[in-house]
Amino acid sequence: MSKKGISATLSAFIVCFYAVIIMYVLFAVLHVDTLANFIAALIFEIIGIILLGYFVLCNFALKPIKTGYFVPLIMVTVIYTVILDIINMACVATMAHSLFVLINLIVLFVYCVVSIPMYIMGNR
């Protein structure tokens, strides 16, 4: 297997392992499936996992992004993922549903405002 294949396989494993850990914490530790914000938390976590997986694996499968844009893009994605996890794990049980969704949408919007220009410029 080539170096690129090994890197892609290990990166995919890490993203899948992260997803399993987050789902275990949400379902087995926090019992989020009994809370009112269950659907919203799950949707935003899935969006976060997809974004993280896409940006980690896109440099292997698609046209590579320039390194000067790729590294900050990964850093911003990891920061977004950490903030998302903090919000979803700390506030899922205590916050009103509309406020919970609003905070998640605001964080996702800020992430998009920061990351989309980096992604576009990195592809040029």
PDB file of N, CA and C in Angstrom:
ATOM      1  N   MET A   1       0.850  -1.177   0.000  1.00  0.00           N
ATOM      2  CA  MET A   1       0.000   0.000   0.000  1.00  0.00           C
ATOM      3  C   MET A   1       0.894   1.238   0.000  1.00  0.00           C
ATOM      4  N   SER A   2       0.511   2.242  -0.749  1.00  0.00           N
ATOM      5  CA  SER A   2       1.319   3.453  -0.842  1.00  0.00           C
ATOM      6  C   SER A   2       1.190   4.302   0.420  1.00  0.00           C
ATOM      7  N   LYS A   3       2.084   5.270   0.534  1.00  0.00           N
ATOM      8  CA  LYS A   3       2.048   6.158   1.694  1.00  0.00           C
ATOM      9  C   LYS A   3       0.733   6.940   1.743  1.00  0.00           C
ATOM     10  N   LYS A   4       0.250   7.339   0.582  1.00  0.00           N
ATOM     11  CA  LYS A   4      -1.005   8.081   0.512  1.00  0.00           C
ATOM     12  C   LYS A   4      -2.180   7.202   0.962  1.00  0.00           C
ATOM     13  N   GLY A   5      -2.161   5.945   0.580  1.00  0.00           N
ATOM     14  CA  GLY A   5      -3.212   5.011   0.983  1.00  0.00           C
ATOM     15  C   GLY A   5      -3.208   4.729   2.471  1.00  0.00           C
ATOM     16  N   ILE A   6      -2.017   4.582   3.026  1.00  0.00           N
ATOM     17  CA  ILE A   6      -1.904   4.347   4.467  1.00  0.00           C
ATOM     18  C   ILE A   6      -2.379   5.576   5.235  1.00  0.00           C
ATOM     19  N   SER A   7      -1.977   6.748   4.777  1.00  0.00           N
ATOM     20  CA  SER A   7      -2.403   7.986   5.442  1.00  0.00           C
ATOM     21  C   SER A   7      -3.918   8.153   5.377  1.00  0.00           C
ATOM     22  N   ALA A   8      -4.497   7.866   4.233  1.00  0.00           N
ATOM     23  CA  ALA A   8      -5.949   7.985   4.089  1.00  0.00           C
ATOM     24  C   ALA A   8      -6.667   6.977   4.974  1.00  0.00           C
ATOM     25  N   THR A   9      -6.153   5.753   5.043  1.00  0.00           N
ATOM     26  CA  THR A   9      -6.769   4.718   5.870  1.00  0.00           C
ATOM     27  C   THR A   9      -6.697   5.082   7.349  1.00  0.00           C
ATOM     28  N   LEU A  10      -5.542   5.527   7.802  1.00  0.00           N
ATOM     29  CA  LEU A  10      -5.393   5.901   9.204  1.00  0.00           C
ATOM     30  C   LEU A  10      -6.233   7.135   9.550  1.00  0.00           C
ATOM     31  N   SER A  11      -6.315   8.092   8.636  1.00  0.00           N
ATOM     32  CA  SER A  11      -7.148   9.274   8.866  1.00  0.00           C
ATOM     33  C   SER A  11      -8.622   8.898   8.946  1.00  0.00           C
ATOM     34  N   ALA A  12      -9.066   8.012   8.065  1.00  0.00           N
ATOM     35  CA  ALA A  12     -10.450   7.553   8.108  1.00  0.00           C
ATOM     36  C   ALA A  12     -10.725   6.790   9.402  1.00  0.00           C
ATOM     37  N   PHE A  13      -9.773   5.988   9.857  1.00  0.00           N
ATOM     38  CA  PHE A  13      -9.934   5.272  11.113  1.00  0.00           C
ATOM     39  C   PHE A  13     -10.064   6.236  12.288  1.00  0.00           C
ATOM     40  N   ILE A  14      -9.242   7.270  12.311  1.00  0.00           N
ATOM     41  CA  ILE A  14      -9.293   8.246  13.400  1.00  0.00           C
ATOM     42  C   ILE A  14     -10.629   8.974  13.418  1.00  0.00           C
ATOM     43  N   VAL A  15     -11.133   9.368  12.259  1.00  0.00           N
ATOM     44  CA  VAL A  15     -12.428  10.054  12.196  1.00  0.00           C
ATOM     45  C   VAL A  15     -13.546   9.111  12.647  1.00  0.00           C
ATOM     46  N   CYS A  16     -13.516   7.867  12.214  1.00  0.00           N
ATOM     47  CA  CYS A  16     -14.529   6.896  12.642  1.00  0.00           C
ATOM     48  C   CYS A  16     -14.431   6.624  14.142  1.00  0.00           C
ATOM     49  N   PHE A  17     -13.220   6.532  14.664  1.00  0.00           N
ATOM     50  CA  PHE A  17     -13.025   6.313  16.091  1.00  0.00           C
ATOM     51  C   PHE A  17     -13.560   7.496  16.895  1.00  0.00           C
ATOM     52  N   TYR A  18     -13.320   8.701  16.403  1.00  0.00           N
ATOM     53  CA  TYR A  18     -13.867   9.901  17.043  1.00  0.00           C
ATOM     54  C   TYR A  18     -15.397   9.841  17.054  1.00  0.00           C
ATOM     55  N   ALA A  19     -16.000   9.467  15.928  1.00  0.00           N
ATOM     56  CA  ALA A  19     -17.463   9.385  15.837  1.00  0.00           C
ATOM     57  C   ALA A  19     -18.008   8.364  16.831  1.00  0.00           C
ATOM     58  N   VAL A  20     -17.347   7.226  16.956  1.00  0.00           N
ATOM     59  CA  VAL A  20     -17.790   6.200  17.906  1.00  0.00           C
ATOM     60  C   VAL A  20     -17.686   6.710  19.338  1.00  0.00           C
ATOM     61  N   ILE A  21     -16.604   7.397  19.663  1.00  0.00           N
ATOM     62  CA  ILE A  21     -16.450   7.942  21.019  1.00  0.00           C
ATOM     63  C   ILE A  21     -17.547   8.950  21.327  1.00  0.00           C
ATOM     64  N   ILE A  22     -17.814   9.850  20.411  1.00  0.00           N
ATOM     65  CA  ILE A  22     -18.845  10.878  20.632  1.00  0.00           C
ATOM     66  C   ILE A  22     -20.218  10.232  20.774  1.00  0.00           C
ATOM     67  N   MET A  23     -20.541   9.277  19.929  1.00  0.00           N
ATOM     68  CA  MET A  23     -21.846   8.624  20.030  1.00  0.00           C
ATOM     69  C   MET A  23     -21.963   7.816  21.322  1.00  0.00           C
ATOM     70  N   TYR A  24     -20.874   7.208  21.757  1.00  0.00           N
ATOM     71  CA  TYR A  24     -20.896   6.478  23.036  1.00  0.00           C
ATOM     72  C   TYR A  24     -21.167   7.445  24.191  1.00  0.00           C
ATOM     73  N   VAL A  25     -20.478   8.562  24.187  1.00  0.00           N
ATOM     74  CA  VAL A  25     -20.682   9.545  25.253  1.00  0.00           C
ATOM     75  C   VAL A  25     -22.117  10.062  25.229  1.00  0.00           C
ATOM     76  N   LEU A  26     -22.626  10.374  24.049  1.00  0.00           N
ATOM     77  CA  LEU A  26     -23.987  10.913  23.963  1.00  0.00           C
ATOM     78  C   LEU A  26     -25.038   9.896  24.398  1.00  0.00           C
ATOM     79  N   PHE A  27     -24.904   8.657  23.966  1.00  0.00           N
ATOM     80  CA  PHE A  27     -25.955   7.668  24.244  1.00  0.00           C
ATOM     81  C   PHE A  27     -25.752   6.902  25.553  1.00  0.00           C
ATOM     82  N   ALA A  28     -24.539   6.469  25.836  1.00  0.00           N
ATOM     83  CA  ALA A  28     -24.322   5.627  27.015  1.00  0.00           C
ATOM     84  C   ALA A  28     -24.045   6.428  28.279  1.00  0.00           C
ATOM     85  N   VAL A  29     -23.385   7.544  28.156  1.00  0.00           N
ATOM     86  CA  VAL A  29     -23.028   8.324  29.341  1.00  0.00           C
ATOM     87  C   VAL A  29     -24.087   9.370  29.654  1.00  0.00           C
ATOM     88  N   LEU A  30     -24.453  10.176  28.649  1.00  0.00           N
ATOM     89  CA  LEU A  30     -25.401  11.270  28.874  1.00  0.00           C
ATOM     90  C   LEU A  30     -26.861  10.875  28.677  1.00  0.00           C
ATOM     91  N   HIS A  31     -27.122   9.745  28.065  1.00  0.00           N
ATOM     92  CA  HIS A  31     -28.479   9.288  27.753  1.00  0.00           C
ATOM     93  C   HIS A  31     -29.273  10.397  27.059  1.00  0.00           C
ATOM     94  N   VAL A  32     -28.653  10.924  26.017  1.00  0.00           N
ATOM     95  CA  VAL A  32     -29.222  12.054  25.296  1.00  0.00           C
ATOM     96  C   VAL A  32     -30.530  11.679  24.588  1.00  0.00           C
ATOM     97  N   ASP A  33     -30.748  10.394  24.350  1.00  0.00           N
ATOM     98  CA  ASP A  33     -31.960   9.969  23.646  1.00  0.00           C
ATOM     99  C   ASP A  33     -33.222  10.179  24.480  1.00  0.00           C
ATOM    100  N   THR A  34     -33.086  10.524  25.741  1.00  0.00           N
ATOM    101  CA  THR A  34     -34.256  10.802  26.577  1.00  0.00           C
ATOM    102  C   THR A  34     -34.518  12.297  26.735  1.00  0.00           C
ATOM    103  N   LEU A  35     -33.701  13.137  26.121  1.00  0.00           N
ATOM    104  CA  LEU A  35     -33.807  14.586  26.293  1.00  0.00           C
ATOM    105  C   LEU A  35     -34.532  15.238  25.126  1.00  0.00           C
ATOM    106  N   ALA A  36     -35.017  16.446  25.361  1.00  0.00           N
ATOM    107  CA  ALA A  36     -35.768  17.170  24.334  1.00  0.00           C
ATOM    108  C   ALA A  36     -34.876  17.618  23.183  1.00  0.00           C
ATOM    109  N   ASN A  37     -33.616  17.888  23.455  1.00  0.00           N
ATOM    110  CA  ASN A  37     -32.702  18.376  22.420  1.00  0.00           C
ATOM    111  C   ASN A  37     -31.970  17.252  21.691  1.00  0.00           C
ATOM    112  N   PHE A  38     -32.469  16.043  21.796  1.00  0.00           N
ATOM    113  CA  PHE A  38     -31.815  14.872  21.222  1.00  0.00           C
ATOM    114  C   PHE A  38     -31.619  14.997  19.712  1.00  0.00           C
ATOM    115  N   ILE A  39     -32.673  15.300  18.985  1.00  0.00           N
ATOM    116  CA  ILE A  39     -32.598  15.356  17.519  1.00  0.00           C
ATOM    117  C   ILE A  39     -31.648  16.455  17.071  1.00  0.00           C
ATOM    118  N   ALA A  40     -31.752  17.640  17.678  1.00  0.00           N
ATOM    119  CA  ALA A  40     -30.889  18.757  17.285  1.00  0.00           C
ATOM    120  C   ALA A  40     -29.420  18.440  17.577  1.00  0.00           C
ATOM    121  N   ALA A  41     -29.144  17.888  18.750  1.00  0.00           N
ATOM    122  CA  ALA A  41     -27.762  17.538  19.094  1.00  0.00           C
ATOM    123  C   ALA A  41     -27.206  16.502  18.133  1.00  0.00           C
ATOM    124  N   LEU A  42     -28.000  15.517  17.799  1.00  0.00           N
ATOM    125  CA  LEU A  42     -27.552  14.465  16.889  1.00  0.00           C
ATOM    126  C   LEU A  42     -27.309  15.008  15.479  1.00  0.00           C
ATOM    127  N   ILE A  43     -28.193  15.870  14.999  1.00  0.00           N
ATOM    128  CA  ILE A  43     -28.024  16.446  13.660  1.00  0.00           C
ATOM    129  C   ILE A  43     -26.753  17.278  13.593  1.00  0.00           C
ATOM    130  N   PHE A  44     -26.525  18.126  14.586  1.00  0.00           N
ATOM    131  CA  PHE A  44     -25.329  18.962  14.559  1.00  0.00           C
ATOM    132  C   PHE A  44     -24.055  18.138  14.757  1.00  0.00           C
ATOM    133  N   GLU A  45     -24.109  17.095  15.539  1.00  0.00           N
ATOM    134  CA  GLU A  45     -22.941  16.216  15.676  1.00  0.00           C
ATOM    135  C   GLU A  45     -22.644  15.501  14.353  1.00  0.00           C
ATOM    136  N   ILE A  46     -23.678  15.053  13.665  1.00  0.00           N
ATOM    137  CA  ILE A  46     -23.473  14.398  12.362  1.00  0.00           C
ATOM    138  C   ILE A  46     -22.888  15.380  11.359  1.00  0.00           C
ATOM    139  N   ILE A  47     -23.374  16.627  11.363  1.00  0.00           N
ATOM    140  CA  ILE A  47     -22.806  17.654  10.483  1.00  0.00           C
ATOM    141  C   ILE A  47     -21.331  17.863  10.815  1.00  0.00           C
ATOM    142  N   GLY A  48     -21.000  17.937  12.096  1.00  0.00           N
ATOM    143  CA  GLY A  48     -19.610  18.120  12.505  1.00  0.00           C
ATOM    144  C   GLY A  48     -18.725  16.964  12.097  1.00  0.00           C
ATOM    145  N   ILE A  49     -19.213  15.750  12.243  1.00  0.00           N
ATOM    146  CA  ILE A  49     -18.435  14.567  11.856  1.00  0.00           C
ATOM    147  C   ILE A  49     -18.231  14.525  10.345  1.00  0.00           C
ATOM    148  N   ILE A  50     -19.261  14.865   9.589  1.00  0.00           N
ATOM    149  CA  ILE A  50     -19.137  14.888   8.126  1.00  0.00           C
ATOM    150  C   ILE A  50     -18.129  15.944   7.688  1.00  0.00           C
ATOM    151  N   LEU A  51     -18.206  17.139   8.280  1.00  0.00           N
ATOM    152  CA  LEU A  51     -17.249  18.189   7.932  1.00  0.00           C
ATOM    153  C   LEU A  51     -15.824  17.783   8.276  1.00  0.00           C
ATOM    154  N   LEU A  52     -15.636  17.230   9.460  1.00  0.00           N
ATOM    155  CA  LEU A  52     -14.306  16.794   9.867  1.00  0.00           C
ATOM    156  C   LEU A  52     -13.789  15.698   8.939  1.00  0.00           C
ATOM    157  N   GLY A  53     -14.625  14.721   8.649  1.00  0.00           N
ATOM    158  CA  GLY A  53     -14.226  13.648   7.748  1.00  0.00           C
ATOM    159  C   GLY A  53     -13.915  14.143   6.347  1.00  0.00           C
ATOM    160  N   TYR A  54     -14.723  15.062   5.855  1.00  0.00           N
ATOM    161  CA  TYR A  54     -14.503  15.585   4.501  1.00  0.00           C
ATOM    162  C   TYR A  54     -13.173  16.313   4.408  1.00  0.00           C
ATOM    163  N   PHE A  55     -12.920  17.218   5.333  1.00  0.00           N
ATOM    164  CA  PHE A  55     -11.696  18.005   5.237  1.00  0.00           C
ATOM    165  C   PHE A  55     -10.445  17.197   5.560  1.00  0.00           C
ATOM    166  N   VAL A  56     -10.571  16.194   6.395  1.00  0.00           N
ATOM    167  CA  VAL A  56      -9.412  15.349   6.675  1.00  0.00           C
ATOM    168  C   VAL A  56      -9.117  14.448   5.477  1.00  0.00           C
ATOM    169  N   LEU A  57     -10.153  13.928   4.838  1.00  0.00           N
ATOM    170  CA  LEU A  57      -9.947  12.960   3.750  1.00  0.00           C
ATOM    171  C   LEU A  57      -9.930  13.575   2.353  1.00  0.00           C
ATOM    172  N   CYS A  58     -10.347  14.832   2.197  1.00  0.00           N
ATOM    173  CA  CYS A  58     -10.446  15.396   0.847  1.00  0.00           C
ATOM    174  C   CYS A  58      -9.084  15.584   0.195  1.00  0.00           C
ATOM    175  N   ASN A  59      -8.061  15.810   0.963  1.00  0.00           N
ATOM    176  CA  ASN A  59      -6.743  16.005   0.370  1.00  0.00           C
ATOM    177  C   ASN A  59      -6.177  14.716  -0.213  1.00  0.00           C
ATOM    178  N   PHE A  60      -6.713  13.572   0.195  1.00  0.00           N
ATOM    179  CA  PHE A  60      -6.244  12.299  -0.351  1.00  0.00           C
ATOM    180  C   PHE A  60      -7.012  11.916  -1.606  1.00  0.00           C
ATOM    181  N   ALA A  61      -8.303  12.163  -1.609  1.00  0.00           N
ATOM    182  CA  ALA A  61      -9.151  11.670  -2.690  1.00  0.00           C
ATOM    183  C   ALA A  61      -9.362  12.694  -3.802  1.00  0.00           C
ATOM    184  N   LEU A  62      -9.499  13.948  -3.445  1.00  0.00           N
ATOM    185  CA  LEU A  62      -9.801  14.975  -4.432  1.00  0.00           C
ATOM    186  C   LEU A  62      -8.540  15.771  -4.761  1.00  0.00           C
ATOM    187  N   LYS A  63      -8.745  16.832  -5.544  1.00  0.00           N
ATOM    188  CA  LYS A  63      -7.643  17.736  -5.852  1.00  0.00           C
ATOM    189  C   LYS A  63      -7.131  18.343  -4.547  1.00  0.00           C
ATOM    190  N   PRO A  64      -5.845  18.200  -4.268  1.00  0.00           N
ATOM    191  CA  PRO A  64      -5.322  18.692  -2.987  1.00  0.00           C
ATOM    192  C   PRO A  64      -5.454  20.213  -2.837  1.00  0.00           C
ATOM    193  N   ILE A  65      -5.738  20.626  -1.622  1.00  0.00           N
ATOM    194  CA  ILE A  65      -5.793  22.038  -1.284  1.00  0.00           C
ATOM    195  C   ILE A  65      -4.368  22.464  -0.951  1.00  0.00           C
ATOM    196  N   LYS A  66      -4.031  23.719  -1.265  1.00  0.00           N
ATOM    197  CA  LYS A  66      -2.697  24.216  -0.942  1.00  0.00           C
ATOM    198  C   LYS A  66      -2.471  24.134   0.561  1.00  0.00           C
ATOM    199  N   THR A  67      -1.260  23.769   0.946  1.00  0.00           N
ATOM    200  CA  THR A  67      -0.938  23.542   2.351  1.00  0.00           C
ATOM    201  C   THR A  67      -1.169  24.781   3.203  1.00  0.00           C
ATOM    202  N   GLY A  68      -0.906  25.958   2.649  1.00  0.00           N
ATOM    203  CA  GLY A  68      -1.102  27.201   3.391  1.00  0.00           C
ATOM    204  C   GLY A  68      -2.553  27.454   3.762  1.00  0.00           C
ATOM    205  N   TYR A  69      -3.476  26.855   3.022  1.00  0.00           N
ATOM    206  CA  TYR A  69      -4.901  26.964   3.338  1.00  0.00           C
ATOM    207  C   TYR A  69      -5.427  25.716   4.032  1.00  0.00           C
ATOM    208  N   PHE A  70      -4.802  24.584   3.754  1.00  0.00           N
ATOM    209  CA  PHE A  70      -5.292  23.323   4.297  1.00  0.00           C
ATOM    210  C   PHE A  70      -5.080  23.222   5.807  1.00  0.00           C
ATOM    211  N   VAL A  71      -3.912  23.598   6.273  1.00  0.00           N
ATOM    212  CA  VAL A  71      -3.612  23.494   7.709  1.00  0.00           C
ATOM    213  C   VAL A  71      -4.530  24.392   8.541  1.00  0.00           C
ATOM    214  N   PRO A  72      -4.700  25.680   8.195  1.00  0.00           N
ATOM    215  CA  PRO A  72      -5.661  26.491   8.967  1.00  0.00           C
ATOM    216  C   PRO A  72      -7.093  25.979   8.857  1.00  0.00           C
ATOM    217  N   LEU A  73      -7.442  25.423   7.705  1.00  0.00           N
ATOM    218  CA  LEU A  73      -8.789  24.876   7.534  1.00  0.00           C
ATOM    219  C   LEU A  73      -9.016  23.691   8.463  1.00  0.00           C
ATOM    220  N   ILE A  74      -8.039  22.825   8.591  1.00  0.00           N
ATOM    221  CA  ILE A  74      -8.147  21.708   9.527  1.00  0.00           C
ATOM    222  C   ILE A  74      -8.193  22.216  10.957  1.00  0.00           C
ATOM    223  N   MET A  75      -7.379  23.220  11.270  1.00  0.00           N
ATOM    224  CA  MET A  75      -7.381  23.776  12.630  1.00  0.00           C
ATOM    225  C   MET A  75      -8.731  24.390  12.974  1.00  0.00           C
ATOM    226  N   VAL A  76      -9.316  25.135  12.051  1.00  0.00           N
ATOM    227  CA  VAL A  76     -10.627  25.744  12.286  1.00  0.00           C
ATOM    228  C   VAL A  76     -11.690  24.660  12.426  1.00  0.00           C
ATOM    229  N   THR A  77     -11.600  23.607  11.631  1.00  0.00           N
ATOM    230  CA  THR A  77     -12.558  22.510  11.721  1.00  0.00           C
ATOM    231  C   THR A  77     -12.444  21.788  13.064  1.00  0.00           C
ATOM    232  N   VAL A  78     -11.239  21.574  13.534  1.00  0.00           N
ATOM    233  CA  VAL A  78     -11.056  20.927  14.836  1.00  0.00           C
ATOM    234  C   VAL A  78     -11.587  21.829  15.961  1.00  0.00           C
ATOM    235  N   ILE A  79     -11.317  23.128  15.878  1.00  0.00           N
ATOM    236  CA  ILE A  79     -11.841  24.060  16.881  1.00  0.00           C
ATOM    237  C   ILE A  79     -13.364  24.059  16.866  1.00  0.00           C
ATOM    238  N   TYR A  80     -13.966  24.070  15.661  1.00  0.00           N
ATOM    239  CA  TYR A  80     -15.427  23.999  15.553  1.00  0.00           C
ATOM    240  C   TYR A  80     -15.949  22.704  16.180  1.00  0.00           C
ATOM    241  N   THR A  81     -15.269  21.609  15.926  1.00  0.00           N
ATOM    242  CA  THR A  81     -15.703  20.326  16.466  1.00  0.00           C
ATOM    243  C   THR A  81     -15.635  20.316  17.989  1.00  0.00           C
ATOM    244  N   VAL A  82     -14.578  20.881  18.548  1.00  0.00           N
ATOM    245  CA  VAL A  82     -14.447  20.938  20.013  1.00  0.00           C
ATOM    246  C   VAL A  82     -15.543  21.815  20.608  1.00  0.00           C
ATOM    247  N   ILE A  83     -15.781  22.976  20.020  1.00  0.00           N
ATOM    248  CA  ILE A  83     -16.848  23.866  20.516  1.00  0.00           C
ATOM    249  C   ILE A  83     -18.204  23.182  20.397  1.00  0.00           C
ATOM    250  N   LEU A  84     -18.435  22.494  19.292  1.00  0.00           N
ATOM    251  CA  LEU A  84     -19.686  21.763  19.092  1.00  0.00           C
ATOM    252  C   LEU A  84     -19.868  20.684  20.159  1.00  0.00           C
ATOM    253  N   ASP A  85     -18.809  19.957  20.452  1.00  0.00           N
ATOM    254  CA  ASP A  85     -18.897  18.917  21.480  1.00  0.00           C
ATOM    255  C   ASP A  85     -19.171  19.511  22.854  1.00  0.00           C
ATOM    256  N   ILE A  86     -18.535  20.614  23.165  1.00  0.00           N
ATOM    257  CA  ILE A  86     -18.778  21.265  24.455  1.00  0.00           C
ATOM    258  C   ILE A  86     -20.225  21.715  24.565  1.00  0.00           C
ATOM    259  N   ILE A  87     -20.732  22.339  23.518  1.00  0.00           N
ATOM    260  CA  ILE A  87     -22.130  22.799  23.536  1.00  0.00           C
ATOM    261  C   ILE A  87     -23.079  21.614  23.662  1.00  0.00           C
ATOM    262  N   ASN A  88     -22.857  20.591  22.851  1.00  0.00           N
ATOM    263  CA  ASN A  88     -23.790  19.465  22.838  1.00  0.00           C
ATOM    264  C   ASN A  88     -23.727  18.627  24.106  1.00  0.00           C
ATOM    265  N   MET A  89     -22.592  18.549  24.731  1.00  0.00           N
ATOM    266  CA  MET A  89     -22.496  17.707  25.931  1.00  0.00           C
ATOM    267  C   MET A  89     -22.810  18.469  27.208  1.00  0.00           C
ATOM    268  N   ALA A  90     -22.545  19.756  27.223  1.00  0.00           N
ATOM    269  CA  ALA A  90     -22.778  20.520  28.443  1.00  0.00           C
ATOM    270  C   ALA A  90     -24.178  21.133  28.500  1.00  0.00           C
ATOM    271  N   CYS A  91     -24.724  21.462  27.357  1.00  0.00           N
ATOM    272  CA  CYS A  91     -25.974  22.225  27.345  1.00  0.00           C
ATOM    273  C   CYS A  91     -27.180  21.451  26.843  1.00  0.00           C
ATOM    274  N   VAL A  92     -27.000  20.211  26.420  1.00  0.00           N
ATOM    275  CA  VAL A  92     -28.107  19.465  25.823  1.00  0.00           C
ATOM    276  C   VAL A  92     -29.248  19.241  26.818  1.00  0.00           C
ATOM    277  N   ALA A  93     -28.931  19.103  28.079  1.00  0.00           N
ATOM    278  CA  ALA A  93     -29.970  18.808  29.068  1.00  0.00           C
ATOM    279  C   ALA A  93     -30.525  20.055  29.736  1.00  0.00           C
ATOM    280  N   THR A  94     -29.775  21.132  29.744  1.00  0.00           N
ATOM    281  CA  THR A  94     -30.176  22.289  30.537  1.00  0.00           C
ATOM    282  C   THR A  94     -30.764  23.433  29.747  1.00  0.00           C
ATOM    283  N   MET A  95     -30.559  23.465  28.459  1.00  0.00           N
ATOM    284  CA  MET A  95     -30.940  24.615  27.658  1.00  0.00           C
ATOM    285  C   MET A  95     -32.281  24.397  26.967  1.00  0.00           C
ATOM    286  N   ALA A  96     -33.014  25.473  26.780  1.00  0.00           N
ATOM    287  CA  ALA A  96     -34.265  25.406  26.035  1.00  0.00           C
ATOM    288  C   ALA A  96     -33.966  25.031  24.581  1.00  0.00           C
ATOM    289  N   HIS A  97     -34.904  24.328  23.961  1.00  0.00           N
ATOM    290  CA  HIS A  97     -34.666  23.793  22.613  1.00  0.00           C
ATOM    291  C   HIS A  97     -34.346  24.892  21.603  1.00  0.00           C
ATOM    292  N   SER A  98     -35.117  25.955  21.588  1.00  0.00           N
ATOM    293  CA  SER A  98     -34.894  27.012  20.594  1.00  0.00           C
ATOM    294  C   SER A  98     -33.544  27.695  20.804  1.00  0.00           C
ATOM    295  N   LEU A  99     -33.138  27.912  22.038  1.00  0.00           N
ATOM    296  CA  LEU A  99     -31.838  28.519  22.315  1.00  0.00           C
ATOM    297  C   LEU A  99     -30.702  27.562  21.959  1.00  0.00           C
ATOM    298  N   PHE A 100     -30.895  26.291  22.213  1.00  0.00           N
ATOM    299  CA  PHE A 100     -29.894  25.272  21.878  1.00  0.00           C
ATOM    300  C   PHE A 100     -29.651  25.230  20.371  1.00  0.00           C
ATOM    301  N   VAL A 101     -30.722  25.216  19.594  1.00  0.00           N
ATOM    302  CA  VAL A 101     -30.596  25.195  18.138  1.00  0.00           C
ATOM    303  C   VAL A 101     -29.977  26.498  17.642  1.00  0.00           C
ATOM    304  N   LEU A 102     -30.386  27.630  18.225  1.00  0.00           N
ATOM    305  CA  LEU A 102     -29.850  28.922  17.814  1.00  0.00           C
ATOM    306  C   LEU A 102     -28.348  28.997  18.050  1.00  0.00           C
ATOM    307  N   ILE A 103     -27.880  28.558  19.191  1.00  0.00           N
ATOM    308  CA  ILE A 103     -26.442  28.597  19.482  1.00  0.00           C
ATOM    309  C   ILE A 103     -25.682  27.687  18.525  1.00  0.00           C
ATOM    310  N   ASN A 104     -26.213  26.501  18.256  1.00  0.00           N
ATOM    311  CA  ASN A 104     -25.560  25.600  17.298  1.00  0.00           C
ATOM    312  C   ASN A 104     -25.527  26.207  15.900  1.00  0.00           C
ATOM    313  N   LEU A 105     -26.612  26.861  15.487  1.00  0.00           N
ATOM    314  CA  LEU A 105     -26.644  27.499  14.171  1.00  0.00           C
ATOM    315  C   LEU A 105     -25.662  28.667  14.083  1.00  0.00           C
ATOM    316  N   ILE A 106     -25.547  29.434  15.151  1.00  0.00           N
ATOM    317  CA  ILE A 106     -24.603  30.557  15.155  1.00  0.00           C
ATOM    318  C   ILE A 106     -23.168  30.052  15.050  1.00  0.00           C
ATOM    319  N   VAL A 107     -22.849  29.015  15.800  1.00  0.00           N
ATOM    320  CA  VAL A 107     -21.496  28.451  15.744  1.00  0.00           C
ATOM    321  C   VAL A 107     -21.220  27.877  14.351  1.00  0.00           C
ATOM    322  N   LEU A 108     -22.190  27.202  13.760  1.00  0.00           N
ATOM    323  CA  LEU A 108     -22.028  26.667  12.406  1.00  0.00           C
ATOM    324  C   LEU A 108     -21.871  27.793  11.390  1.00  0.00           C
ATOM    325  N   PHE A 109     -22.618  28.878  11.549  1.00  0.00           N
ATOM    326  CA  PHE A 109     -22.515  30.024  10.647  1.00  0.00           C
ATOM    327  C   PHE A 109     -21.127  30.651  10.732  1.00  0.00           C
ATOM    328  N   VAL A 110     -20.627  30.863  11.933  1.00  0.00           N
ATOM    329  CA  VAL A 110     -19.289  31.446  12.098  1.00  0.00           C
ATOM    330  C   VAL A 110     -18.242  30.528  11.488  1.00  0.00           C
ATOM    331  N   TYR A 111     -18.409  29.225  11.680  1.00  0.00           N
ATOM    332  CA  TYR A 111     -17.478  28.275  11.075  1.00  0.00           C
ATOM    333  C   TYR A 111     -17.509  28.386   9.549  1.00  0.00           C
ATOM    334  N   CYS A 112     -18.685  28.476   8.976  1.00  0.00           N
ATOM    335  CA  CYS A 112     -18.803  28.595   7.517  1.00  0.00           C
ATOM    336  C   CYS A 112     -18.206  29.900   7.007  1.00  0.00           C
ATOM    337  N   VAL A 113     -18.422  30.997   7.730  1.00  0.00           N
ATOM    338  CA  VAL A 113     -17.870  32.291   7.329  1.00  0.00           C
ATOM    339  C   VAL A 113     -16.344  32.245   7.314  1.00  0.00           C
ATOM    340  N   VAL A 114     -15.761  31.515   8.232  1.00  0.00           N
ATOM    341  CA  VAL A 114     -14.306  31.427   8.303  1.00  0.00           C
ATOM    342  C   VAL A 114     -13.755  30.398   7.318  1.00  0.00           C
ATOM    343  N   SER A 115     -14.401  29.245   7.198  1.00  0.00           N
ATOM    344  CA  SER A 115     -13.805  28.148   6.443  1.00  0.00           C
ATOM    345  C   SER A 115     -14.080  28.177   4.939  1.00  0.00           C
ATOM    346  N   ILE A 116     -15.211  28.673   4.520  1.00  0.00           N
ATOM    347  CA  ILE A 116     -15.528  28.652   3.082  1.00  0.00           C
ATOM    348  C   ILE A 116     -14.544  29.484   2.266  1.00  0.00           C
ATOM    349  N   PRO A 117     -14.192  30.714   2.688  1.00  0.00           N
ATOM    350  CA  PRO A 117     -13.188  31.434   1.912  1.00  0.00           C
ATOM    351  C   PRO A 117     -11.828  30.729   1.864  1.00  0.00           C
ATOM    352  N   MET A 118     -11.434  30.099   2.971  1.00  0.00           N
ATOM    353  CA  MET A 118     -10.168  29.351   2.972  1.00  0.00           C
ATOM    354  C   MET A 118     -10.225  28.190   1.990  1.00  0.00           C
ATOM    355  N   TYR A 119     -11.355  27.493   1.958  1.00  0.00           N
ATOM    356  CA  TYR A 119     -11.499  26.367   1.049  1.00  0.00           C
ATOM    357  C   TYR A 119     -11.479  26.821  -0.416  1.00  0.00           C
ATOM    358  N   ILE A 120     -12.175  27.910  -0.704  1.00  0.00           N
ATOM    359  CA  ILE A 120     -12.218  28.424  -2.085  1.00  0.00           C
ATOM    360  C   ILE A 120     -10.842  28.882  -2.532  1.00  0.00           C
ATOM    361  N   MET A 121     -10.160  29.635  -1.669  1.00  0.00           N
ATOM    362  CA  MET A 121      -8.827  30.130  -2.040  1.00  0.00           C
ATOM    363  C   MET A 121      -7.821  28.984  -2.136  1.00  0.00           C
ATOM    364  N   GLY A 122      -7.976  27.956  -1.322  1.00  0.00           N
ATOM    365  CA  GLY A 122      -7.063  26.822  -1.375  1.00  0.00           C
ATOM    366  C   GLY A 122      -7.212  25.988  -2.627  1.00  0.00           C
ATOM    367  N   ASN A 123      -8.385  26.027  -3.249  1.00  0.00           N
ATOM    368  CA  ASN A 123      -8.608  25.261  -4.474  1.00  0.00           C
ATOM    369  C   ASN A 123      -8.121  25.979  -5.714  1.00  0.00           C
ATOM    370  N   ARG A 124      -7.894  27.270  -5.628  1.00  0.00           N
ATOM    371  CA  ARG A 124      -7.449  28.026  -6.814  1.00  0.00           C
ATOM    372  C   ARG A 124      -6.020  27.729  -7.152  1.00  0.00           C
TER     373      ARG A 124
END
